[in-house]
Amino acid sequence: ETLPEEGSPPSLHCYAITSRPSDTDRNGHVNQAVYVNYAVDACTAAVHEGAYKGAVPSSSSGDGRGGAAFDFTRVHLQYLTELLPFQSAEVVTWRQEADSAECEPKLCFLIRQQERALVKGAFWLRREEQPGQATTDASFSSATSASQPTPCSEEKP
């Protein structure tokens, strides 16, 4: 996945993280499952801030029990490089609409340190099914231009 062009909808949402020693595997790198947790937290924070209208809310959303504020049918994660304990990074999220009626919309994410992409991926959103409507898998493109992402904190000229 690639970051949307600057100024194009939907807007990017940023979420700061700092890895903890308990996030690591026995090799001292952040575990892959933890990256999914970081992305869920970032997308949930964006949903609670009013982003991603139309995402089907989770049954536990807003009831004080915690959990993701959206339901997803699958997740794709591509590890690019390591994150070590006590390092800071940001999770950039954005919504990508379905390419066709048969596909599901996605919440995409990129975990990065400044210009360095660490992990990229997407959550395929569960959508409310219409009577007689079937959903199918959407393809995940492995193409990326994440080598030089635009920081969310940069001011537009």
Protein backbone atom coordinates (compact mmCIF):
# COMPACT_ATOMS: atom_id res chain seq x y z
CA GLU A 1 0.00 0.00 0.00
CA THR A 2 1.15 3.53 -0.55
CA LEU A 3 0.28 6.64 1.39
CA PRO A 4 -2.37 8.74 -0.35
CA GLU A 5 -1.16 11.83 -2.14
CA GLU A 6 -0.87 14.85 0.14
CA GLY A 7 -4.13 16.75 0.27
CA SER A 8 -6.21 13.94 -1.21
CA PRO A 9 -9.01 12.33 0.79
CA PRO A 10 -9.04 10.58 3.10
CA SER A 11 -6.74 12.36 5.51
CA LEU A 12 -3.94 10.59 7.27
CA HIS A 13 -4.15 9.95 10.99
CA CYS A 14 -1.02 9.60 13.12
CA TYR A 15 -0.58 7.76 16.40
CA ALA A 16 2.67 7.81 18.39
CA ILE A 17 4.03 4.63 19.97
CA THR A 18 7.03 3.64 22.07
CA SER A 19 7.94 -0.03 22.15
CA ARG A 20 8.23 -1.74 25.52
CA PRO A 21 10.55 -4.59 26.51
CA SER A 22 7.47 -6.83 26.88
CA ASP A 23 6.68 -6.19 23.18
CA THR A 24 9.78 -8.08 22.05
CA ASP A 25 10.50 -11.66 21.07
CA ARG A 26 13.51 -13.64 22.26
CA ASN A 27 15.65 -11.97 19.58
CA GLY A 28 14.98 -8.54 21.09
CA HIS A 29 12.78 -7.31 18.20
CA VAL A 30 9.17 -6.21 18.50
CA ASN A 31 7.01 -9.29 17.88
CA GLN A 32 4.85 -9.33 14.73
CA ALA A 33 1.64 -9.74 16.74
CA VAL A 34 2.48 -6.55 18.64
CA TYR A 35 2.61 -4.60 15.36
CA VAL A 36 -1.01 -5.66 14.77
CA ASN A 37 -1.88 -4.36 18.26
CA TYR A 38 -0.18 -1.03 17.48
CA ALA A 39 -2.19 -0.75 14.25
CA VAL A 40 -5.49 -1.69 15.96
CA ASP A 41 -4.83 0.93 18.65
CA ALA A 42 -4.02 3.57 16.02
CA CYS A 43 -7.12 2.83 13.92
CA THR A 44 -9.31 2.70 17.03
CA ALA A 45 -7.98 6.09 18.18
CA ALA A 46 -8.76 7.53 14.73
CA VAL A 47 -12.31 6.06 14.80
CA HIS A 48 -12.87 7.57 18.26
CA GLU A 49 -11.70 10.93 16.88
CA GLY A 50 -14.45 10.70 14.24
CA ALA A 51 -12.43 9.34 11.32
CA TYR A 52 -13.45 6.52 9.00
CA LYS A 53 -17.17 7.19 8.89
CA GLY A 54 -19.01 4.16 7.64
CA ALA A 55 -16.71 1.62 9.27
CA VAL A 56 -18.95 -0.98 10.87
CA PRO A 57 -18.52 -0.45 14.61
CA SER A 58 -17.44 -3.32 16.78
CA SER A 59 -20.06 -4.72 19.13
CA SER A 60 -17.86 -3.65 22.06
CA SER A 61 -17.20 -0.18 20.67
CA GLY A 62 -17.94 2.53 23.19
CA ASP A 63 -19.25 0.24 25.91
CA GLY A 64 -16.24 0.61 28.19
CA ARG A 65 -15.00 -2.95 27.60
CA GLY A 66 -12.22 -1.89 25.27
CA GLY A 67 -11.31 -3.59 22.03
CA ALA A 68 -11.20 -2.29 18.48
CA ALA A 69 -13.73 0.34 17.47
CA PHE A 70 -14.20 -1.41 14.13
CA ASP A 71 -14.77 -4.97 12.91
CA PHE A 72 -12.44 -6.46 10.34
CA THR A 73 -12.51 -9.73 8.44
CA ARG A 74 -8.77 -10.15 7.94
CA VAL A 75 -5.44 -8.43 8.34
CA HIS A 76 -2.35 -8.34 6.17
CA LEU A 77 1.01 -7.39 7.66
CA GLN A 78 4.32 -6.98 5.86
CA TYR A 79 7.42 -6.70 8.02
CA LEU A 80 10.08 -4.45 6.49
CA THR A 81 12.61 -3.84 9.27
CA GLU A 82 13.00 -4.08 13.05
CA LEU A 83 11.88 -1.95 15.96
CA LEU A 84 13.76 -2.38 19.23
CA PRO A 85 12.68 -1.80 22.85
CA PHE A 86 12.23 1.82 23.95
CA GLN A 87 12.26 3.12 20.37
CA SER A 88 9.58 5.56 19.28
CA ALA A 89 7.66 5.35 16.02
CA GLU A 90 4.36 6.49 14.57
CA VAL A 91 1.49 4.56 13.05
CA VAL A 92 -0.05 6.33 10.08
CA THR A 93 -3.54 5.13 9.13
CA TRP A 94 -5.95 5.90 6.32
CA ARG A 95 -9.09 4.42 4.81
CA GLN A 96 -9.02 2.98 1.30
CA GLU A 97 -12.40 2.45 -0.32
CA ALA A 98 -13.25 -0.79 -2.09
CA ASP A 99 -12.35 -0.99 -5.77
CA SER A 100 -15.69 -2.62 -6.61
CA ALA A 101 -18.93 -3.77 -5.00
CA GLU A 102 -17.42 -7.22 -4.47
CA CYS A 103 -14.46 -5.93 -2.44
CA GLU A 104 -14.24 -4.72 1.13
CA PRO A 105 -12.92 -1.30 2.17
CA LYS A 106 -9.64 -1.29 4.12
CA LEU A 107 -8.05 0.59 6.96
CA CYS A 108 -4.42 0.77 5.85
CA PHE A 109 -1.47 1.43 8.10
CA LEU A 110 2.22 2.20 7.94
CA ILE A 111 4.42 2.00 11.03
CA ARG A 112 7.49 4.17 10.58
CA GLN A 113 10.37 5.99 12.22
CA GLN A 114 10.77 9.32 10.44
CA GLU A 115 11.56 8.35 6.83
CA ARG A 116 12.07 4.63 7.57
CA ALA A 117 9.11 2.30 6.98
CA LEU A 118 9.03 -0.58 9.50
CA VAL A 119 5.75 -2.39 8.81
CA LYS A 120 2.86 -1.88 6.41
CA GLY A 121 -0.50 -3.55 6.19
CA ALA A 122 -4.26 -3.32 6.12
CA PHE A 123 -7.41 -4.41 7.91
CA TRP A 124 -10.26 -5.44 5.60
CA LEU A 125 -13.40 -3.99 7.12
CA ARG A 126 -16.54 -5.99 7.71
CA ARG A 127 -19.36 -4.24 6.00
CA GLU A 128 -23.04 -4.45 6.54
CA GLU A 129 -24.30 -7.01 4.07
CA GLN A 130 -27.32 -6.24 1.97
CA PRO A 131 -29.81 -9.06 1.32
CA GLY A 132 -28.46 -11.27 -1.47
CA GLN A 133 -25.04 -9.57 -1.41
CA ALA A 134 -21.97 -11.76 -1.08
CA THR A 135 -18.51 -10.50 -0.21
CA THR A 136 -15.28 -11.77 -1.73
CA ASP A 137 -11.61 -11.31 -1.02
CA ALA A 138 -9.81 -8.22 -2.22
CA SER A 139 -6.21 -8.39 -3.35
CA PHE A 140 -3.48 -6.74 -1.34
CA SER A 141 -0.91 -5.01 -3.46
CA SER A 142 2.64 -5.45 -2.25
CA ALA A 143 3.81 -2.47 -4.26
CA THR A 144 4.82 0.46 -2.09
CA SER A 145 6.55 3.77 -2.27
CA ALA A 146 6.88 3.96 1.51
CA SER A 147 10.59 4.71 1.37
CA GLN A 148 9.89 8.44 1.66
CA PRO A 149 6.50 8.90 3.36
CA THR A 150 5.27 12.39 4.10
CA PRO A 151 5.29 13.06 7.87
CA CYS A 152 1.88 13.92 9.26
CA SER A 153 3.32 16.73 11.33
CA GLU A 154 4.70 18.62 8.32
CA GLU A 155 2.97 21.87 7.46
CA LYS A 156 1.62 22.13 3.93
CA PRO A 157 3.14 25.03 1.96
